[in-house]
Amino acid sequence: MDARGIEAKEVVPASRKLSRDDAAELARKAKKVIVAKGKSLSEFPGGKATDEVVSAMLGPTGNLRAPTIRTGNTVIVGFNEEVFQKLFG
């Protein structure tokens, strides 16, 4: 994000684990949820915290995967260069 000149409004330290409930809240408030796992991308409509969406947002420990970014009405979970390029230039 530094390379693109993007400044975070809020940074949550890794020591504060975000749970399934936190992921569900993010999904409900978003219009779109994009989840990147390796080269795999999944897009879900926001507004609903279905088990499929929330499970995709969580890592193997059951915590919200990093990085998680909320930009406008979109939540991005995980890293994918193409998604970052498209959204942040």
Protein backbone atom coordinates (compact mmCIF):
# COMPACT_ATOMS: atom_id res chain seq x y z
CA MET A 1 0.00 0.00 0.00
CA ASP A 2 2.91 2.31 0.63
CA ALA A 3 4.08 1.83 -2.96
CA ARG A 4 0.71 3.09 -4.18
CA GLY A 5 0.56 6.01 -1.74
CA ILE A 6 -2.47 4.57 0.06
CA GLU A 7 -2.90 5.49 3.69
CA ALA A 8 -4.93 3.27 6.01
CA LYS A 9 -7.57 4.97 8.14
CA GLU A 10 -7.44 2.14 10.66
CA VAL A 11 -4.88 -0.59 11.22
CA VAL A 12 -5.70 -3.55 13.41
CA PRO A 13 -2.60 -5.26 14.85
CA ALA A 14 -2.19 -8.98 14.22
CA SER A 15 -2.31 -9.57 17.97
CA ARG A 16 -6.02 -8.65 17.87
CA LYS A 17 -7.61 -11.70 16.32
CA LEU A 18 -10.74 -11.02 14.29
CA SER A 19 -13.26 -13.86 14.51
CA ARG A 20 -16.08 -15.36 12.48
CA ASP A 21 -18.43 -12.75 13.96
CA ASP A 22 -16.14 -9.92 12.79
CA ALA A 23 -16.00 -11.43 9.29
CA ALA A 24 -19.80 -11.76 9.22
CA GLU A 25 -20.21 -8.11 10.22
CA LEU A 26 -17.86 -6.98 7.44
CA ALA A 27 -19.76 -9.10 4.88
CA ARG A 28 -23.14 -7.71 5.97
CA LYS A 29 -21.94 -4.10 5.64
CA ALA A 30 -20.32 -4.58 2.21
CA LYS A 31 -21.89 -4.52 -1.25
CA LYS A 32 -19.18 -6.86 -2.57
CA VAL A 33 -16.70 -9.24 -0.92
CA ILE A 34 -13.62 -10.37 -2.86
CA VAL A 35 -11.60 -13.23 -1.40
CA ALA A 36 -8.16 -14.12 -2.78
CA LYS A 37 -6.51 -17.39 -1.84
CA GLY A 38 -3.35 -17.87 -3.85
CA LYS A 39 -4.33 -17.44 -7.50
CA SER A 40 -7.96 -18.28 -6.78
CA LEU A 41 -10.45 -15.41 -6.62
CA SER A 42 -14.00 -15.57 -5.31
CA GLU A 43 -16.50 -12.72 -5.46
CA PHE A 44 -19.61 -12.65 -3.32
CA PRO A 45 -22.43 -10.15 -3.12
CA GLY A 46 -22.38 -8.32 0.18
CA GLY A 47 -25.26 -7.66 2.49
CA LYS A 48 -25.42 -11.27 3.63
CA ALA A 49 -23.20 -13.23 5.96
CA THR A 50 -23.76 -16.68 4.52
CA ASP A 51 -21.63 -19.55 5.78
CA GLU A 52 -19.96 -19.75 2.35
CA VAL A 53 -18.85 -16.11 2.41
CA VAL A 54 -17.72 -16.09 6.02
CA SER A 55 -15.86 -19.41 5.70
CA ALA A 56 -14.02 -18.09 2.63
CA MET A 57 -12.91 -15.04 4.64
CA LEU A 58 -11.40 -17.13 7.43
CA GLY A 59 -7.98 -18.75 7.56
CA PRO A 60 -7.13 -22.21 8.91
CA THR A 61 -7.04 -20.89 12.48
CA GLY A 62 -10.62 -19.60 12.22
CA ASN A 63 -9.55 -15.95 12.24
CA LEU A 64 -10.09 -13.37 9.53
CA ARG A 65 -7.38 -13.70 6.88
CA ALA A 66 -4.91 -10.91 6.21
CA PRO A 67 -4.74 -8.53 4.64
CA THR A 68 -8.35 -7.47 4.90
CA ILE A 69 -9.18 -4.11 3.37
CA ARG A 70 -12.44 -2.23 3.25
CA THR A 71 -12.50 0.34 0.47
CA GLY A 72 -15.81 2.05 -0.09
CA ASN A 73 -18.46 -0.68 -0.16
CA THR A 74 -16.02 -3.45 -1.10
CA VAL A 75 -14.19 -5.78 1.27
CA ILE A 76 -11.04 -7.49 -0.02
CA VAL A 77 -9.67 -10.45 1.91
CA GLY A 78 -6.26 -11.85 1.02
CA PHE A 79 -3.80 -10.53 -1.56
CA ASN A 80 -4.08 -10.68 -5.32
CA GLU A 81 -1.95 -8.32 -7.44
CA GLU A 82 -4.57 -8.02 -10.20
CA VAL A 83 -7.32 -7.03 -7.76
CA PHE A 84 -5.07 -4.50 -6.04
CA GLN A 85 -4.01 -3.05 -9.42
CA LYS A 86 -7.64 -2.76 -10.54
CA LEU A 87 -8.87 -1.11 -7.34
CA PHE A 88 -5.85 0.97 -6.33
CA GLY A 89 -4.03 1.59 -9.61
